[in-house]
Amino acid sequence: MSKQNKQVQEENKNEVRAYKNALVEGLPPINLGALFMPPIWGPAHGIWVTILFYPIWLFADNLLYAAYSNPEPLSITLAVLMVVILAAVTIIFARASQGYACQRALKRGKTKETYLKEQRIWAVVSALIAIVFLAAATYYNVFFRALVGA
């Protein structure tokens, strides 16, 4: 590759970096809507793979219930490991998705201010939905599942 081609590539990389830096300037580092409810927030913002959080949450719920109902070293270790991995993946997704979702909103004709306003609404609604999900799962595990012996 010639020197000129390398220089052009380096200039392009610098332009892309400058664009990405300008894009994320003024954005919170973590998208709270994506953090609290990734399987709802993701598809609403074009990230359909996040729907896979539902079966992963069910698996995590079963591991946590197994650790609660049969506290063996293996069940406790698997439950803790799953919670740590799931938390890490969710936080990474919430950080990585912020720029992508903003860029998508800008391409659809929205301003950055409109995007931020909508994301504040998403954060509140997602937090409320997450509370309902956690309450329902806890109720099911403590009052129904324990009584049935599942």
N, C-alpha and C. Protein backbone atom coordinates (compact mmCIF):
# COMPACT_ATOMS: atom_id res chain seq x y z
N MET A 1 0.84 -1.17 0.00
CA MET A 1 0.00 0.00 0.00
C MET A 1 0.90 1.24 0.00
N SER A 2 0.53 2.20 -0.80
CA SER A 2 1.36 3.39 -0.92
C SER A 2 1.18 4.31 0.29
N LYS A 3 2.12 5.23 0.40
CA LYS A 3 2.08 6.19 1.50
C LYS A 3 0.83 7.05 1.43
N GLN A 4 0.44 7.39 0.21
CA GLN A 4 -0.72 8.25 0.02
C GLN A 4 -1.99 7.53 0.46
N ASN A 5 -2.13 6.24 0.12
CA ASN A 5 -3.30 5.47 0.54
C ASN A 5 -3.38 5.36 2.06
N LYS A 6 -2.23 5.14 2.69
CA LYS A 6 -2.20 5.05 4.15
C LYS A 6 -2.62 6.37 4.78
N GLN A 7 -2.17 7.47 4.18
CA GLN A 7 -2.52 8.78 4.70
C GLN A 7 -4.02 9.03 4.57
N VAL A 8 -4.59 8.65 3.43
CA VAL A 8 -6.04 8.82 3.22
C VAL A 8 -6.82 7.97 4.21
N GLN A 9 -6.38 6.74 4.43
CA GLN A 9 -7.05 5.87 5.41
C GLN A 9 -6.98 6.46 6.81
N GLU A 10 -5.84 7.00 7.16
CA GLU A 10 -5.67 7.61 8.49
C GLU A 10 -6.58 8.83 8.64
N GLU A 11 -6.69 9.62 7.58
CA GLU A 11 -7.58 10.79 7.61
C GLU A 11 -9.04 10.35 7.77
N ASN A 12 -9.42 9.28 7.06
CA ASN A 12 -10.79 8.76 7.19
C ASN A 12 -11.06 8.27 8.61
N LYS A 13 -10.10 7.57 9.19
CA LYS A 13 -10.26 7.10 10.57
C LYS A 13 -10.42 8.27 11.53
N ASN A 14 -9.63 9.32 11.31
CA ASN A 14 -9.73 10.50 12.16
C ASN A 14 -11.08 11.19 12.02
N GLU A 15 -11.60 11.24 10.79
CA GLU A 15 -12.92 11.83 10.56
C GLU A 15 -14.01 11.02 11.27
N VAL A 16 -13.92 9.71 11.18
CA VAL A 16 -14.89 8.84 11.85
C VAL A 16 -14.82 9.03 13.36
N ARG A 17 -13.62 9.09 13.90
CA ARG A 17 -13.45 9.32 15.35
C ARG A 17 -14.05 10.66 15.76
N ALA A 18 -13.80 11.69 14.97
CA ALA A 18 -14.33 13.02 15.28
C ALA A 18 -15.85 13.02 15.24
N TYR A 19 -16.42 12.32 14.25
CA TYR A 19 -17.88 12.23 14.15
C TYR A 19 -18.46 11.50 15.36
N LYS A 20 -17.86 10.38 15.75
CA LYS A 20 -18.35 9.62 16.90
C LYS A 20 -18.21 10.42 18.19
N ASN A 21 -17.11 11.15 18.34
CA ASN A 21 -16.93 11.97 19.53
C ASN A 21 -17.98 13.08 19.59
N ALA A 22 -18.27 13.71 18.44
CA ALA A 22 -19.29 14.75 18.40
C ALA A 22 -20.67 14.17 18.68
N LEU A 23 -20.89 12.95 18.22
CA LEU A 23 -22.19 12.30 18.41
C LEU A 23 -22.46 12.02 19.89
N VAL A 24 -21.50 11.49 20.60
CA VAL A 24 -21.72 11.11 22.00
C VAL A 24 -21.52 12.27 22.97
N GLU A 25 -21.06 13.41 22.47
CA GLU A 25 -20.89 14.57 23.34
C GLU A 25 -22.25 15.02 23.87
N GLY A 26 -22.36 15.13 25.17
CA GLY A 26 -23.62 15.54 25.79
C GLY A 26 -24.56 14.40 26.11
N LEU A 27 -24.20 13.18 25.71
CA LEU A 27 -25.03 12.02 26.03
C LEU A 27 -24.56 11.39 27.34
N PRO A 28 -25.49 10.88 28.13
CA PRO A 28 -25.07 10.15 29.33
C PRO A 28 -24.29 8.90 28.91
N PRO A 29 -23.35 8.46 29.74
CA PRO A 29 -22.53 7.29 29.36
C PRO A 29 -23.33 6.00 29.29
N ILE A 30 -24.41 5.91 30.06
CA ILE A 30 -25.24 4.70 30.07
C ILE A 30 -26.67 5.08 29.75
N ASN A 31 -27.29 4.34 28.86
CA ASN A 31 -28.70 4.55 28.55
C ASN A 31 -29.53 3.77 29.57
N LEU A 32 -30.25 4.49 30.42
CA LEU A 32 -30.98 3.84 31.51
C LEU A 32 -32.15 3.00 31.01
N GLY A 33 -32.78 3.40 29.91
CA GLY A 33 -33.85 2.58 29.34
C GLY A 33 -33.32 1.23 28.89
N ALA A 34 -32.15 1.24 28.26
CA ALA A 34 -31.51 0.00 27.82
C ALA A 34 -31.00 -0.81 29.00
N LEU A 35 -30.63 -0.15 30.08
CA LEU A 35 -30.14 -0.84 31.26
C LEU A 35 -31.27 -1.56 31.99
N PHE A 36 -32.41 -0.89 32.17
CA PHE A 36 -33.49 -1.47 32.97
C PHE A 36 -34.33 -2.49 32.20
N MET A 37 -34.57 -2.27 30.91
CA MET A 37 -35.41 -3.18 30.13
C MET A 37 -34.87 -3.38 28.72
N PRO A 38 -33.73 -4.05 28.58
CA PRO A 38 -33.15 -4.22 27.24
C PRO A 38 -34.05 -4.96 26.26
N PRO A 39 -34.87 -5.96 26.68
CA PRO A 39 -35.67 -6.65 25.66
C PRO A 39 -36.83 -5.81 25.11
N ILE A 40 -37.18 -4.73 25.78
CA ILE A 40 -38.21 -3.83 25.25
C ILE A 40 -37.56 -2.65 24.55
N TRP A 41 -36.57 -2.06 25.20
CA TRP A 41 -35.89 -0.89 24.64
C TRP A 41 -35.17 -1.26 23.34
N GLY A 42 -34.50 -2.39 23.30
CA GLY A 42 -33.71 -2.78 22.14
C GLY A 42 -34.51 -2.86 20.84
N PRO A 43 -35.56 -3.68 20.78
CA PRO A 43 -36.34 -3.74 19.54
C PRO A 43 -36.97 -2.40 19.15
N ALA A 44 -37.34 -1.60 20.14
CA ALA A 44 -37.91 -0.28 19.84
C ALA A 44 -36.88 0.64 19.19
N HIS A 45 -35.61 0.32 19.34
CA HIS A 45 -34.54 1.12 18.76
C HIS A 45 -33.76 0.35 17.68
N GLY A 46 -34.38 -0.70 17.15
CA GLY A 46 -33.79 -1.43 16.03
C GLY A 46 -32.78 -2.49 16.40
N ILE A 47 -32.69 -2.85 17.67
CA ILE A 47 -31.72 -3.85 18.12
C ILE A 47 -32.51 -5.09 18.54
N TRP A 48 -32.93 -5.87 17.57
CA TRP A 48 -33.85 -6.98 17.81
C TRP A 48 -33.22 -8.14 18.58
N VAL A 49 -31.92 -8.29 18.55
CA VAL A 49 -31.28 -9.40 19.24
C VAL A 49 -31.52 -9.34 20.75
N THR A 50 -31.85 -8.17 21.25
CA THR A 50 -32.06 -8.04 22.70
C THR A 50 -33.31 -8.78 23.19
N ILE A 51 -34.13 -9.23 22.28
CA ILE A 51 -35.29 -10.04 22.68
C ILE A 51 -34.83 -11.33 23.35
N LEU A 52 -33.57 -11.70 23.11
CA LEU A 52 -33.01 -12.90 23.74
C LEU A 52 -32.79 -12.73 25.24
N PHE A 53 -32.94 -11.51 25.74
CA PHE A 53 -32.85 -11.32 27.19
C PHE A 53 -33.96 -12.08 27.91
N TYR A 54 -35.14 -12.23 27.31
CA TYR A 54 -36.24 -12.93 27.99
C TYR A 54 -35.88 -14.36 28.37
N PRO A 55 -35.44 -15.21 27.43
CA PRO A 55 -35.08 -16.57 27.86
C PRO A 55 -33.88 -16.60 28.80
N ILE A 56 -32.96 -15.65 28.64
CA ILE A 56 -31.82 -15.59 29.56
C ILE A 56 -32.30 -15.24 30.96
N TRP A 57 -33.25 -14.32 31.06
CA TRP A 57 -33.82 -13.97 32.37
C TRP A 57 -34.53 -15.16 32.99
N LEU A 58 -35.25 -15.93 32.18
CA LEU A 58 -35.93 -17.12 32.71
C LEU A 58 -34.92 -18.13 33.23
N PHE A 59 -33.83 -18.32 32.50
CA PHE A 59 -32.78 -19.23 32.95
C PHE A 59 -32.16 -18.73 34.26
N ALA A 60 -31.90 -17.43 34.34
CA ALA A 60 -31.34 -16.85 35.57
C ALA A 60 -32.33 -17.01 36.72
N ASP A 61 -33.61 -16.82 36.45
CA ASP A 61 -34.63 -16.98 37.49
C ASP A 61 -34.64 -18.42 38.01
N ASN A 62 -34.53 -19.38 37.11
CA ASN A 62 -34.49 -20.78 37.55
C ASN A 62 -33.24 -21.08 38.36
N LEU A 63 -32.11 -20.52 37.98
CA LEU A 63 -30.88 -20.72 38.75
C LEU A 63 -31.00 -20.09 40.14
N LEU A 64 -31.57 -18.90 40.21
CA LEU A 64 -31.75 -18.25 41.51
C LEU A 64 -32.72 -19.03 42.39
N TYR A 65 -33.79 -19.54 41.80
CA TYR A 65 -34.74 -20.33 42.58
C TYR A 65 -34.09 -21.63 43.05
N ALA A 66 -33.28 -22.24 42.21
CA ALA A 66 -32.58 -23.47 42.62
C ALA A 66 -31.64 -23.19 43.78
N ALA A 67 -30.96 -22.06 43.75
CA ALA A 67 -30.06 -21.70 44.86
C ALA A 67 -30.86 -21.41 46.13
N TYR A 68 -32.06 -20.85 45.97
CA TYR A 68 -32.92 -20.55 47.12
C TYR A 68 -33.53 -21.81 47.72
N SER A 69 -34.04 -22.68 46.86
CA SER A 69 -34.76 -23.86 47.34
C SER A 69 -33.84 -25.02 47.70
N ASN A 70 -32.67 -25.09 47.09
CA ASN A 70 -31.73 -26.17 47.34
C ASN A 70 -30.31 -25.58 47.40
N PRO A 71 -29.97 -24.95 48.51
CA PRO A 71 -28.70 -24.22 48.59
C PRO A 71 -27.47 -25.12 48.66
N GLU A 72 -27.13 -25.69 47.54
CA GLU A 72 -25.92 -26.50 47.40
C GLU A 72 -24.82 -25.59 46.84
N PRO A 73 -23.56 -25.95 47.03
CA PRO A 73 -22.48 -25.11 46.48
C PRO A 73 -22.59 -24.89 44.97
N LEU A 74 -22.97 -25.92 44.22
CA LEU A 74 -23.07 -25.77 42.77
C LEU A 74 -24.20 -24.82 42.39
N SER A 75 -25.38 -24.98 42.99
CA SER A 75 -26.50 -24.12 42.63
C SER A 75 -26.23 -22.66 43.00
N ILE A 76 -25.59 -22.44 44.13
CA ILE A 76 -25.25 -21.07 44.54
C ILE A 76 -24.20 -20.47 43.61
N THR A 77 -23.19 -21.25 43.27
CA THR A 77 -22.13 -20.77 42.38
C THR A 77 -22.70 -20.42 41.01
N LEU A 78 -23.54 -21.29 40.46
CA LEU A 78 -24.13 -21.03 39.14
C LEU A 78 -25.03 -19.79 39.17
N ALA A 79 -25.81 -19.64 40.24
CA ALA A 79 -26.69 -18.48 40.35
C ALA A 79 -25.89 -17.18 40.43
N VAL A 80 -24.86 -17.17 41.26
CA VAL A 80 -24.03 -15.97 41.39
C VAL A 80 -23.31 -15.67 40.08
N LEU A 81 -22.77 -16.69 39.44
CA LEU A 81 -22.08 -16.51 38.17
C LEU A 81 -23.03 -15.95 37.11
N MET A 82 -24.24 -16.47 37.06
CA MET A 82 -25.22 -16.00 36.08
C MET A 82 -25.58 -14.54 36.34
N VAL A 83 -25.78 -14.18 37.59
CA VAL A 83 -26.13 -12.80 37.92
C VAL A 83 -25.00 -11.85 37.52
N VAL A 84 -23.77 -12.23 37.81
CA VAL A 84 -22.62 -11.38 37.47
C VAL A 84 -22.49 -11.23 35.95
N ILE A 85 -22.59 -12.33 35.22
CA ILE A 85 -22.47 -12.28 33.76
C ILE A 85 -23.61 -11.47 33.16
N LEU A 86 -24.83 -11.71 33.62
CA LEU A 86 -25.99 -10.99 33.10
C LEU A 86 -25.88 -9.49 33.39
N ALA A 87 -25.44 -9.13 34.57
CA ALA A 87 -25.26 -7.71 34.91
C ALA A 87 -24.19 -7.08 34.01
N ALA A 88 -23.09 -7.78 33.80
CA ALA A 88 -22.02 -7.25 32.95
C ALA A 88 -22.49 -7.05 31.51
N VAL A 89 -23.17 -8.05 30.97
CA VAL A 89 -23.66 -7.95 29.59
C VAL A 89 -24.67 -6.81 29.46
N THR A 90 -25.54 -6.66 30.44
CA THR A 90 -26.54 -5.60 30.40
C THR A 90 -25.89 -4.22 30.47
N ILE A 91 -24.91 -4.05 31.33
CA ILE A 91 -24.22 -2.76 31.45
C ILE A 91 -23.45 -2.45 30.17
N ILE A 92 -22.78 -3.43 29.62
CA ILE A 92 -22.05 -3.22 28.36
C ILE A 92 -23.01 -2.83 27.25
N PHE A 93 -24.15 -3.51 27.19
CA PHE A 93 -25.15 -3.17 26.17
C PHE A 93 -25.67 -1.75 26.37
N ALA A 94 -25.96 -1.37 27.61
CA ALA A 94 -26.48 -0.03 27.88
C ALA A 94 -25.47 1.05 27.51
N ARG A 95 -24.19 0.76 27.65
CA ARG A 95 -23.15 1.73 27.26
C ARG A 95 -22.99 1.77 25.74
N ALA A 96 -22.93 0.61 25.12
CA ALA A 96 -22.67 0.54 23.68
C ALA A 96 -23.85 1.01 22.84
N SER A 97 -25.05 0.83 23.34
CA SER A 97 -26.23 1.16 22.55
C SER A 97 -26.53 2.65 22.49
N GLN A 98 -25.99 3.42 23.42
CA GLN A 98 -26.31 4.84 23.49
C GLN A 98 -25.96 5.57 22.18
N GLY A 99 -24.75 5.40 21.70
CA GLY A 99 -24.34 6.07 20.46
C GLY A 99 -25.10 5.56 19.25
N TYR A 100 -25.31 4.24 19.21
CA TYR A 100 -26.04 3.65 18.08
C TYR A 100 -27.46 4.20 18.01
N ALA A 101 -28.15 4.22 19.15
CA ALA A 101 -29.53 4.69 19.17
C ALA A 101 -29.62 6.17 18.82
N CYS A 102 -28.67 6.95 19.29
CA CYS A 102 -28.66 8.38 18.97
C CYS A 102 -28.43 8.59 17.47
N GLN A 103 -27.49 7.86 16.92
CA GLN A 103 -27.20 7.96 15.49
C GLN A 103 -28.44 7.56 14.67
N ARG A 104 -29.11 6.52 15.10
CA ARG A 104 -30.33 6.07 14.41
C ARG A 104 -31.42 7.14 14.48
N ALA A 105 -31.56 7.77 15.64
CA ALA A 105 -32.57 8.82 15.79
C ALA A 105 -32.23 10.02 14.91
N LEU A 106 -30.96 10.38 14.83
CA LEU A 106 -30.56 11.51 13.98
C LEU A 106 -30.82 11.20 12.51
N LYS A 107 -30.57 9.96 12.10
CA LYS A 107 -30.84 9.57 10.71
C LYS A 107 -32.33 9.62 10.40
N ARG A 108 -33.16 9.47 11.42
CA ARG A 108 -34.61 9.50 11.23
C ARG A 108 -35.17 10.92 11.36
N GLY A 109 -34.28 11.90 11.44
CA GLY A 109 -34.72 13.29 11.43
C GLY A 109 -34.95 13.92 12.79
N LYS A 110 -34.61 13.25 13.86
CA LYS A 110 -34.77 13.82 15.19
C LYS A 110 -33.53 14.61 15.56
N THR A 111 -33.70 15.54 16.48
CA THR A 111 -32.55 16.27 17.00
C THR A 111 -32.00 15.53 18.21
N LYS A 112 -30.79 15.89 18.60
CA LYS A 112 -30.18 15.26 19.78
C LYS A 112 -30.99 15.58 21.04
N GLU A 113 -31.54 16.80 21.11
CA GLU A 113 -32.34 17.20 22.26
C GLU A 113 -33.62 16.36 22.35
N THR A 114 -34.25 16.13 21.21
CA THR A 114 -35.45 15.28 21.18
C THR A 114 -35.11 13.86 21.59
N TYR A 115 -33.99 13.36 21.10
CA TYR A 115 -33.55 12.02 21.48
C TYR A 115 -33.35 11.92 22.98
N LEU A 116 -32.65 12.90 23.57
CA LEU A 116 -32.41 12.87 25.02
C LEU A 116 -33.71 12.95 25.81
N LYS A 117 -34.65 13.76 25.35
CA LYS A 117 -35.95 13.87 26.02
C LYS A 117 -36.68 12.53 25.98
N GLU A 118 -36.69 11.89 24.82
CA GLU A 118 -37.34 10.58 24.69
C GLU A 118 -36.65 9.53 25.57
N GLN A 119 -35.34 9.60 25.67
CA GLN A 119 -34.61 8.61 26.48
C GLN A 119 -34.87 8.79 27.97
N ARG A 120 -35.14 10.03 28.40
CA ARG A 120 -35.53 10.23 29.80
C ARG A 120 -36.87 9.55 30.08
N ILE A 121 -37.79 9.66 29.13
CA ILE A 121 -39.08 8.99 29.28
C ILE A 121 -38.88 7.48 29.28
N TRP A 122 -38.05 6.99 28.36
CA TRP A 122 -37.74 5.55 28.32
C TRP A 122 -37.15 5.08 29.64
N ALA A 123 -36.30 5.88 30.25
CA ALA A 123 -35.66 5.49 31.51
C ALA A 123 -36.70 5.31 32.61
N VAL A 124 -37.62 6.25 32.73
CA VAL A 124 -38.65 6.16 33.78
C VAL A 124 -39.58 4.98 33.53
N VAL A 125 -40.06 4.86 32.31
CA VAL A 125 -40.98 3.76 31.97
C VAL A 125 -40.28 2.41 32.13
N SER A 126 -39.05 2.31 31.68
CA SER A 126 -38.31 1.05 31.81
C SER A 126 -38.08 0.68 33.27
N ALA A 127 -37.78 1.67 34.10
CA ALA A 127 -37.59 1.39 35.53
C ALA A 127 -38.89 0.88 36.16
N LEU A 128 -40.01 1.49 35.79
CA LEU A 128 -41.30 1.03 36.33
C LEU A 128 -41.63 -0.39 35.87
N ILE A 129 -41.39 -0.67 34.60
CA ILE A 129 -41.64 -2.02 34.08
C ILE A 129 -40.72 -3.03 34.75
N ALA A 130 -39.46 -2.66 34.97
CA ALA A 130 -38.51 -3.56 35.64
C ALA A 130 -38.98 -3.87 37.06
N ILE A 131 -39.50 -2.87 37.76
CA ILE A 131 -40.02 -3.09 39.12
C ILE A 131 -41.19 -4.07 39.09
N VAL A 132 -42.09 -3.89 38.13
CA VAL A 132 -43.24 -4.80 38.00
C VAL A 132 -42.76 -6.21 37.68
N PHE A 133 -41.81 -6.36 36.76
CA PHE A 133 -41.27 -7.68 36.42
C PHE A 133 -40.64 -8.35 37.64
N LEU A 134 -39.82 -7.61 38.39
CA LEU A 134 -39.17 -8.18 39.57
C LEU A 134 -40.19 -8.56 40.64
N ALA A 135 -41.19 -7.72 40.83
CA ALA A 135 -42.23 -8.03 41.82
C ALA A 135 -43.01 -9.27 41.41
N ALA A 136 -43.36 -9.37 40.13
CA ALA A 136 -44.12 -10.53 39.65
C ALA A 136 -43.29 -11.81 39.76
N ALA A 137 -42.02 -11.75 39.40
CA ALA A 137 -41.16 -12.94 39.49
C ALA A 137 -40.96 -13.36 40.94
N THR A 138 -40.78 -12.39 41.82
CA THR A 138 -40.62 -12.70 43.24
C THR A 138 -41.89 -13.32 43.81
N TYR A 139 -43.03 -12.73 43.49
CA TYR A 139 -44.31 -13.27 43.95
C TYR A 139 -44.49 -14.70 43.46
N TYR A 140 -44.23 -14.93 42.20
CA TYR A 140 -44.37 -16.26 41.63
C TYR A 140 -43.47 -17.26 42.34
N ASN A 141 -42.21 -16.91 42.53
CA ASN A 141 -41.25 -17.83 43.15
C ASN A 141 -41.53 -18.09 44.62
N VAL A 142 -41.92 -17.07 45.36
CA VAL A 142 -42.10 -17.21 46.80
C VAL A 142 -43.46 -17.79 47.15
N PHE A 143 -44.52 -17.32 46.50
CA PHE A 143 -45.86 -17.72 46.91
C PHE A 143 -46.45 -18.84 46.08
N PHE A 144 -46.17 -18.89 44.80
CA PHE A 144 -46.79 -19.91 43.97
C PHE A 144 -45.88 -21.12 43.77
N ARG A 145 -44.71 -20.88 43.29
CA ARG A 145 -43.79 -21.97 42.96
C ARG A 145 -43.41 -22.77 44.20
N ALA A 146 -43.17 -22.11 45.30
CA ALA A 146 -42.80 -22.81 46.53
C ALA A 146 -43.94 -23.67 47.05
N LEU A 147 -45.17 -23.22 46.89
CA LEU A 147 -46.33 -23.98 47.36
C LEU A 147 -46.60 -25.21 46.50
N VAL A 148 -46.38 -25.08 45.21
CA VAL A 148 -46.62 -26.18 44.28
C VAL A 148 -45.49 -27.20 44.37
N GLY A 149 -44.33 -26.74 44.75
CA GLY A 149 -43.18 -27.64 44.85
C GLY A 149 -42.47 -27.84 43.54
N ALA A 150 -42.58 -26.86 42.65
CA ALA A 150 -41.94 -26.98 41.33
C ALA A 150 -40.46 -26.72 41.43
